[in-house]
Amino acid sequence: MPITADCTHRWSARSSSRANVSPGAVLAPAEERVETSLLTPAAHKAVPGPLSPDQTRRFREVVLAHADAAYNLALRLSRRPEVAEDIVGDAYVRALAGFADFRGGDGRSWILTIVRNRFYDWLREQRRKATVPLTRPANDADEDEDWDYPDTEQDDPEEALARKSEAGALHALIDRLPPRLREVIILREMEELSYREIAAITDSPIGSVMSRLSRARSALAEGWRAHEESHAEARP
């Protein structure tokens, strides 16, 4: 279930990306952006040398091919296109820097893990800098990664849901979930990953993944029932 169309081309073409990692640019060392990143740069590391032609081909096939999935995850987690672009750009810079040591495996899971980790880095930065208190679900056992950044530019959730199409309403409901629940529902229902793959990406036991999925589905079902009831009451 793609959330945006042609997001690979839109993301790689935007000047806000940390580095241009379009297929023609993967041989070049990562360039630092002129403008300020939304993410705090990682500790300085030596810039890797150019990839070999074979490594370049493999990077395109194994990692760059999943730019849509990377952007979709970053967008649904952050709920901000400019932050999602920055997260994905930074993730691909890191993937490019570490690709010479990549020993095979699932490239999609690898890049999604990097994207997910960079989202939580961004969220922790917002928590440290926040002037608006970050939200957290009550009575939740998870700790740091359940804090969420309020989207103060969005409409009231109920009003937004009332104006949206069915697909838009579903995305609005997903956006209202805490991050730990958002990520598992995105990875399972949109990216169609297995429980084992989700557990590896989120660094969680499979039992925790299943529990979070159950909670996410219950919350979505409850929200959808409320959405349909409000629409039924509004009909003449």
Protein backbone atom coordinates (compact mmCIF):
# COMPACT_ATOMS: atom_id res chain seq x y z
CA MET A 1 0.00 0.00 0.00
CA PRO A 2 2.09 2.93 -1.23
CA ILE A 3 1.47 6.17 0.65
CA THR A 4 3.05 8.52 -1.89
CA ALA A 5 3.59 8.17 -5.61
CA ASP A 6 7.08 8.34 -7.10
CA CYS A 7 8.51 9.30 -3.73
CA THR A 8 11.97 8.02 -4.71
CA HIS A 9 12.29 10.62 -7.44
CA ARG A 10 10.77 13.41 -5.37
CA TRP A 11 12.96 12.60 -2.37
CA SER A 12 16.23 12.28 -4.29
CA ALA A 13 15.57 15.46 -6.26
CA ARG A 14 14.87 17.67 -3.25
CA SER A 15 17.70 20.00 -2.27
CA SER A 16 16.90 19.37 1.40
CA SER A 17 18.31 15.84 1.16
CA ARG A 18 21.57 15.42 3.04
CA ALA A 19 23.23 13.99 -0.01
CA ASN A 20 22.11 13.15 -3.53
CA VAL A 21 22.04 9.39 -3.68
CA SER A 22 20.36 9.05 -7.04
CA PRO A 23 21.78 6.17 -9.10
CA GLY A 24 24.23 8.42 -10.94
CA ALA A 25 25.69 9.77 -7.74
CA VAL A 26 26.48 6.72 -5.66
CA LEU A 27 30.13 6.68 -6.66
CA ALA A 28 30.79 10.12 -5.23
CA PRO A 29 31.69 10.64 -1.56
CA ALA A 30 28.84 11.99 0.52
CA GLU A 31 28.66 15.78 0.44
CA GLU A 32 27.59 17.82 3.45
CA ARG A 33 24.59 20.07 2.84
CA VAL A 34 24.99 23.82 2.98
CA GLU A 35 21.80 24.38 4.94
CA THR A 36 21.25 23.22 8.51
CA SER A 37 20.08 19.63 8.89
CA LEU A 38 17.04 18.80 10.96
CA LEU A 39 19.12 16.02 12.47
CA THR A 40 22.22 16.45 14.58
CA PRO A 41 25.15 15.12 12.52
CA ALA A 42 26.77 11.94 13.73
CA ALA A 43 30.28 11.97 15.14
CA HIS A 44 32.84 12.66 12.45
CA LYS A 45 34.06 9.62 10.55
CA ALA A 46 36.49 9.31 7.71
CA VAL A 47 34.74 9.67 4.36
CA PRO A 48 34.80 6.29 2.60
CA GLY A 49 36.45 5.97 -0.78
CA PRO A 50 34.40 5.48 -3.95
CA LEU A 51 32.61 2.19 -4.37
CA SER A 52 33.78 -0.18 -7.05
CA PRO A 53 31.54 -0.62 -10.12
CA ASP A 54 30.33 -3.95 -8.72
CA GLN A 55 29.59 -2.40 -5.31
CA THR A 56 27.76 0.46 -7.02
CA ARG A 57 25.56 -2.01 -8.91
CA ARG A 58 24.87 -3.95 -5.72
CA PHE A 59 24.06 -0.76 -3.77
CA ARG A 60 21.48 0.20 -6.39
CA GLU A 61 19.93 -3.26 -6.45
CA VAL A 62 20.11 -4.11 -2.76
CA VAL A 63 19.62 -0.79 -0.97
CA LEU A 64 18.61 2.08 -3.25
CA ALA A 65 15.77 0.00 -4.70
CA HIS A 66 13.99 0.33 -1.33
CA ALA A 67 13.97 4.14 -1.17
CA ASP A 68 10.15 4.17 -1.41
CA ALA A 69 9.80 1.91 1.62
CA ALA A 70 12.40 3.96 3.51
CA TYR A 71 10.58 7.22 2.81
CA ASN A 72 7.17 5.74 3.65
CA LEU A 73 8.42 4.53 7.03
CA ALA A 74 10.12 7.84 7.81
CA LEU A 75 7.04 9.82 6.78
CA ARG A 76 4.55 7.78 8.76
CA LEU A 77 6.76 7.80 11.84
CA SER A 78 7.68 11.50 11.77
CA ARG A 79 4.44 12.73 10.11
CA ARG A 80 6.47 15.56 8.56
CA PRO A 81 7.67 15.39 4.94
CA GLU A 82 10.71 17.62 5.52
CA VAL A 83 11.82 15.52 8.50
CA ALA A 84 11.20 12.28 6.57
CA GLU A 85 13.37 13.51 3.70
CA ASP A 86 16.14 14.44 6.09
CA ILE A 87 15.96 11.09 7.88
CA VAL A 88 16.07 9.14 4.61
CA GLY A 89 18.91 11.23 3.24
CA ASP A 90 20.93 10.68 6.39
CA ALA A 91 20.10 6.96 6.40
CA TYR A 92 21.35 6.53 2.84
CA VAL A 93 24.55 8.44 3.59
CA ARG A 94 25.16 5.99 6.44
CA ALA A 95 24.25 3.01 4.28
CA LEU A 96 26.60 4.21 1.55
CA ALA A 97 29.41 4.70 4.04
CA GLY A 98 28.96 1.20 5.44
CA PHE A 99 28.17 -0.69 2.26
CA ALA A 100 31.72 -1.89 1.65
CA ASP A 101 31.32 -3.97 4.83
CA PHE A 102 27.82 -5.22 3.93
CA ARG A 103 27.99 -9.00 3.79
CA GLY A 104 24.64 -9.73 2.24
CA GLY A 105 21.19 -10.27 3.65
CA ASP A 106 17.96 -8.34 3.20
CA GLY A 107 18.76 -4.84 1.98
CA ARG A 108 15.25 -3.60 2.70
CA SER A 109 15.39 -4.65 6.34
CA TRP A 110 18.86 -3.11 6.65
CA ILE A 111 17.88 0.33 5.33
CA LEU A 112 14.59 0.31 7.26
CA THR A 113 16.53 -0.41 10.45
CA ILE A 114 18.76 2.61 9.79
CA VAL A 115 15.73 4.80 9.01
CA ARG A 116 13.94 3.67 12.15
CA ASN A 117 16.98 4.34 14.33
CA ARG A 118 17.45 7.80 12.84
CA PHE A 119 13.79 8.62 13.54
CA TYR A 120 14.26 7.82 17.22
CA ASP A 121 17.46 9.88 17.23
CA TRP A 122 15.39 12.79 15.90
CA LEU A 123 12.62 12.14 18.44
CA ARG A 124 15.11 12.17 21.33
CA GLU A 125 16.50 15.47 20.03
CA GLN A 126 12.99 16.95 20.04
CA ARG A 127 12.45 15.65 23.55
CA ARG A 128 15.59 17.44 24.75
CA LYS A 129 14.72 20.68 22.97
CA ALA A 130 10.94 20.62 23.42
CA THR A 131 9.10 23.69 24.64
CA VAL A 132 5.83 21.80 24.10
CA PRO A 133 5.59 18.68 26.31
CA LEU A 134 5.94 15.46 24.34
CA THR A 135 3.03 13.07 24.60
CA ARG A 136 3.10 9.55 25.95
CA PRO A 137 0.32 6.96 26.25
CA ALA A 138 -0.86 6.36 29.80
CA ASN A 139 -0.07 3.06 31.54
CA ASP A 140 2.36 1.94 28.86
CA ALA A 141 5.25 -0.32 29.75
CA ASP A 142 7.59 0.88 26.99
CA GLU A 143 9.80 3.80 27.85
CA ASP A 144 11.87 6.19 25.73
CA GLU A 145 10.50 5.16 22.34
CA ASP A 146 6.86 5.72 23.32
CA TRP A 147 7.36 9.45 23.71
CA ASP A 148 5.89 11.24 20.71
CA TYR A 149 6.25 14.69 19.23
CA PRO A 150 2.93 16.56 18.99
CA ASP A 151 1.95 17.74 15.53
CA THR A 152 0.73 21.20 16.46
CA GLU A 153 0.20 22.23 12.82
CA GLN A 154 -2.45 19.58 12.21
CA ASP A 155 -6.18 20.00 12.72
CA ASP A 156 -7.96 18.45 15.65
CA PRO A 157 -7.91 14.67 14.93
CA GLU A 158 -11.69 14.27 14.95
CA GLU A 159 -12.19 17.21 12.61
CA ALA A 160 -9.45 15.99 10.30
CA LEU A 161 -10.94 12.51 10.17
CA ALA A 162 -14.38 13.87 9.33
CA ARG A 163 -13.05 15.60 6.21
CA LYS A 164 -10.90 12.78 4.85
CA SER A 165 -11.53 9.97 2.41
CA GLU A 166 -11.44 6.40 3.71
CA ALA A 167 -7.73 6.04 2.87
CA GLY A 168 -6.96 9.43 4.38
CA ALA A 169 -8.96 8.61 7.49
CA LEU A 170 -7.04 5.36 7.94
CA HIS A 171 -3.71 7.19 7.63
CA ALA A 172 -4.94 9.78 10.14
CA LEU A 173 -5.78 6.99 12.58
CA ILE A 174 -2.33 5.45 12.10
CA ASP A 175 -0.75 8.86 12.74
CA ARG A 176 -2.53 9.00 16.11
CA LEU A 177 -0.87 5.79 17.33
CA PRO A 178 2.25 6.07 19.52
CA PRO A 179 5.52 5.43 17.63
CA ARG A 180 6.00 1.84 18.83
CA LEU A 181 2.56 0.92 17.50
CA ARG A 182 2.88 3.00 14.33
CA GLU A 183 6.08 1.28 13.31
CA VAL A 184 4.81 -2.28 13.65
CA ILE A 185 1.55 -1.62 11.81
CA ILE A 186 3.46 0.10 8.98
CA LEU A 187 6.03 -2.68 8.70
CA ARG A 188 3.45 -5.48 8.87
CA GLU A 189 0.45 -4.12 6.95
CA MET A 190 2.11 -1.75 4.47
CA GLU A 191 5.53 -3.31 3.93
CA GLU A 192 4.23 -6.87 4.51
CA LEU A 193 7.24 -7.92 6.57
CA SER A 194 7.24 -11.07 8.69
CA TYR A 195 7.17 -10.99 12.49
CA ARG A 196 10.80 -12.10 12.49
CA GLU A 197 11.83 -9.27 10.14
CA ILE A 198 9.94 -6.70 12.22
CA ALA A 199 11.54 -8.05 15.38
CA ALA A 200 14.99 -7.63 13.82
CA ILE A 201 14.28 -4.09 12.59
CA THR A 202 12.82 -2.93 15.91
CA ASP A 203 15.29 -4.93 18.03
CA SER A 204 12.39 -6.50 19.92
CA PRO A 205 11.31 -10.02 20.85
CA ILE A 206 8.76 -11.54 18.45
CA GLY A 207 6.26 -11.73 21.33
CA SER A 208 6.54 -7.94 21.84
CA VAL A 209 6.00 -7.38 18.11
CA MET A 210 2.84 -9.50 18.18
CA SER A 211 1.57 -7.75 21.30
CA ARG A 212 2.12 -4.30 19.78
CA LEU A 213 0.43 -5.34 16.56
CA SER A 214 -2.59 -6.54 18.51
CA ARG A 215 -2.79 -3.25 20.39
CA ALA A 216 -2.35 -1.23 17.20
CA ARG A 217 -5.08 -3.16 15.38
CA SER A 218 -7.45 -2.80 18.33
CA ALA A 219 -6.83 0.96 18.46
CA LEU A 220 -7.38 1.29 14.71
CA ALA A 221 -10.57 -0.77 14.85
CA GLU A 222 -11.93 1.34 17.69
CA GLY A 223 -11.03 4.56 15.90
CA TRP A 224 -12.59 3.33 12.67
CA ARG A 225 -15.85 2.43 14.41
CA ALA A 226 -15.97 5.91 15.91
CA HIS A 227 -15.25 7.41 12.48
CA GLU A 228 -18.09 5.46 10.86
CA GLU A 229 -20.51 6.30 13.66
CA SER A 230 -19.76 10.01 13.33
CA HIS A 231 -20.37 9.82 9.59
CA ALA A 232 -23.62 7.95 10.13
CA GLU A 233 -24.85 10.59 12.57
CA ALA A 234 -23.97 13.36 10.13
CA ARG A 235 -26.06 11.87 7.31
CA PRO A 236 -29.57 13.33 6.92
